[in-house]
């Protein structure tokens, strides 16, 4: 799970890298579920929420940059 307080301190580039990592990890989990290797289907929901949090933080950072 993504800690928002820690993530707010990160740079925009670090957030983008983290987002890409989350997306690839989510894709691996979905693939594992489809191949019947992964049984915990609730992991997908957690990844989707984490991805949404990261995207929100990235948009906040972009607004800060444009505002300055």
C-alpha atoms as a PDB file:
ATOM      1  CA  UNK A   1       0.000   0.000   0.000  1.00  0.00           C
ATOM      2  CA  UNK A   2       1.232   3.443  -0.865  1.00  0.00           C
ATOM      3  CA  UNK A   3       1.874   5.804   2.048  1.00  0.00           C
ATOM      4  CA  UNK A   4       0.586   9.192   0.923  1.00  0.00           C
ATOM      5  CA  UNK A   5       2.532  11.223   3.483  1.00  0.00           C
ATOM      6  CA  UNK A   6       5.835   9.714   2.322  1.00  0.00           C
ATOM      7  CA  UNK A   7       4.896   9.931  -1.334  1.00  0.00           C
ATOM      8  CA  UNK A   8       4.131  13.654  -1.115  1.00  0.00           C
ATOM      9  CA  UNK A   9       7.799  14.230  -0.274  1.00  0.00           C
ATOM     10  CA  UNK A  10       9.021  12.444  -3.401  1.00  0.00           C
ATOM     11  CA  UNK A  11       9.921  14.170  -6.636  1.00  0.00           C
ATOM     12  CA  UNK A  12       7.776  14.005  -9.740  1.00  0.00           C
ATOM     13  CA  UNK A  13      10.201  11.631 -11.461  1.00  0.00           C
ATOM     14  CA  UNK A  14      10.170   9.239  -8.489  1.00  0.00           C
ATOM     15  CA  UNK A  15       6.373   9.238  -8.509  1.00  0.00           C
ATOM     16  CA  UNK A  16       6.276   8.452 -12.220  1.00  0.00           C
ATOM     17  CA  UNK A  17       8.726   5.577 -11.763  1.00  0.00           C
ATOM     18  CA  UNK A  18       6.643   4.257  -8.879  1.00  0.00           C
ATOM     19  CA  UNK A  19       3.508   4.454 -10.989  1.00  0.00           C
ATOM     20  CA  UNK A  20       5.096   2.462 -13.796  1.00  0.00           C
ATOM     21  CA  UNK A  21       6.259  -0.160 -11.295  1.00  0.00           C
ATOM     22  CA  UNK A  22       2.764  -0.435  -9.831  1.00  0.00           C
ATOM     23  CA  UNK A  23       1.257  -0.855 -13.285  1.00  0.00           C
ATOM     24  CA  UNK A  24       3.665  -3.632 -14.247  1.00  0.00           C
ATOM     25  CA  UNK A  25       3.135  -5.389 -10.910  1.00  0.00           C
ATOM     26  CA  UNK A  26      -0.638  -5.158 -11.349  1.00  0.00           C
ATOM     27  CA  UNK A  27      -0.333  -6.609 -14.827  1.00  0.00           C
ATOM     28  CA  UNK A  28       1.674  -9.545 -13.439  1.00  0.00           C
ATOM     29  CA  UNK A  29      -0.966 -10.191 -10.773  1.00  0.00           C
ATOM     30  CA  UNK A  30      -3.758 -10.155 -13.345  1.00  0.00           C
ATOM     31  CA  UNK A  31      -1.771 -12.508 -15.538  1.00  0.00           C
ATOM     32  CA  UNK A  32      -1.201 -14.825 -12.580  1.00  0.00           C
ATOM     33  CA  UNK A  33      -4.905 -14.863 -11.784  1.00  0.00           C
ATOM     34  CA  UNK A  34      -5.802 -15.648 -15.374  1.00  0.00           C
ATOM     35  CA  UNK A  35      -3.322 -18.533 -15.365  1.00  0.00           C
ATOM     36  CA  UNK A  36      -4.692 -19.799 -12.024  1.00  0.00           C
ATOM     37  CA  UNK A  37      -1.328 -19.207 -10.317  1.00  0.00           C
ATOM     38  CA  UNK A  38      -2.631 -16.447  -8.040  1.00  0.00           C
ATOM     39  CA  UNK A  39      -5.593 -17.174  -5.804  1.00  0.00           C
ATOM     40  CA  UNK A  40      -5.886 -13.844  -3.998  1.00  0.00           C
ATOM     41  CA  UNK A  41      -8.030 -11.832  -6.408  1.00  0.00           C
ATOM     42  CA  UNK A  42      -8.362  -8.909  -4.000  1.00  0.00           C
ATOM     43  CA  UNK A  43      -4.786  -7.914  -4.841  1.00  0.00           C
ATOM     44  CA  UNK A  44      -6.093  -6.387  -8.070  1.00  0.00           C
ATOM     45  CA  UNK A  45      -8.314  -4.007  -6.109  1.00  0.00           C
ATOM     46  CA  UNK A  46      -5.393  -2.939  -3.923  1.00  0.00           C
ATOM     47  CA  UNK A  47      -3.197  -2.286  -6.955  1.00  0.00           C
ATOM     48  CA  UNK A  48      -5.922  -0.229  -8.626  1.00  0.00           C
ATOM     49  CA  UNK A  49      -6.311   1.915  -5.518  1.00  0.00           C
ATOM     50  CA  UNK A  50      -2.547   2.405  -5.244  1.00  0.00           C
ATOM     51  CA  UNK A  51      -2.343   3.377  -8.915  1.00  0.00           C
ATOM     52  CA  UNK A  52      -5.132   5.924  -8.412  1.00  0.00           C
ATOM     53  CA  UNK A  53      -3.318   7.371  -5.385  1.00  0.00           C
ATOM     54  CA  UNK A  54      -0.076   7.719  -7.348  1.00  0.00           C
ATOM     55  CA  UNK A  55      -1.882   9.392 -10.254  1.00  0.00           C
ATOM     56  CA  UNK A  56      -3.513  11.823  -7.809  1.00  0.00           C
ATOM     57  CA  UNK A  57      -0.145  12.701  -6.290  1.00  0.00           C
ATOM     58  CA  UNK A  58       1.378  13.218  -9.739  1.00  0.00           C
ATOM     59  CA  UNK A  59      -1.440  15.570 -10.725  1.00  0.00           C
ATOM     60  CA  UNK A  60      -0.981  17.512  -7.469  1.00  0.00           C
ATOM     61  CA  UNK A  61       2.740  17.863  -8.172  1.00  0.00           C
ATOM     62  CA  UNK A  62       2.024  19.085 -11.706  1.00  0.00           C
ATOM     63  CA  UNK A  63      -0.399  21.692 -10.364  1.00  0.00           C
ATOM     64  CA  UNK A  64       2.248  22.909  -7.920  1.00  0.00           C
ATOM     65  CA  UNK A  65       4.767  23.279 -10.718  1.00  0.00           C
ATOM     66  CA  UNK A  66       2.333  25.156 -12.949  1.00  0.00           C
ATOM     67  CA  UNK A  67       1.251  27.382 -10.071  1.00  0.00           C
ATOM     68  CA  UNK A  68       4.799  28.591  -9.385  1.00  0.00           C
END
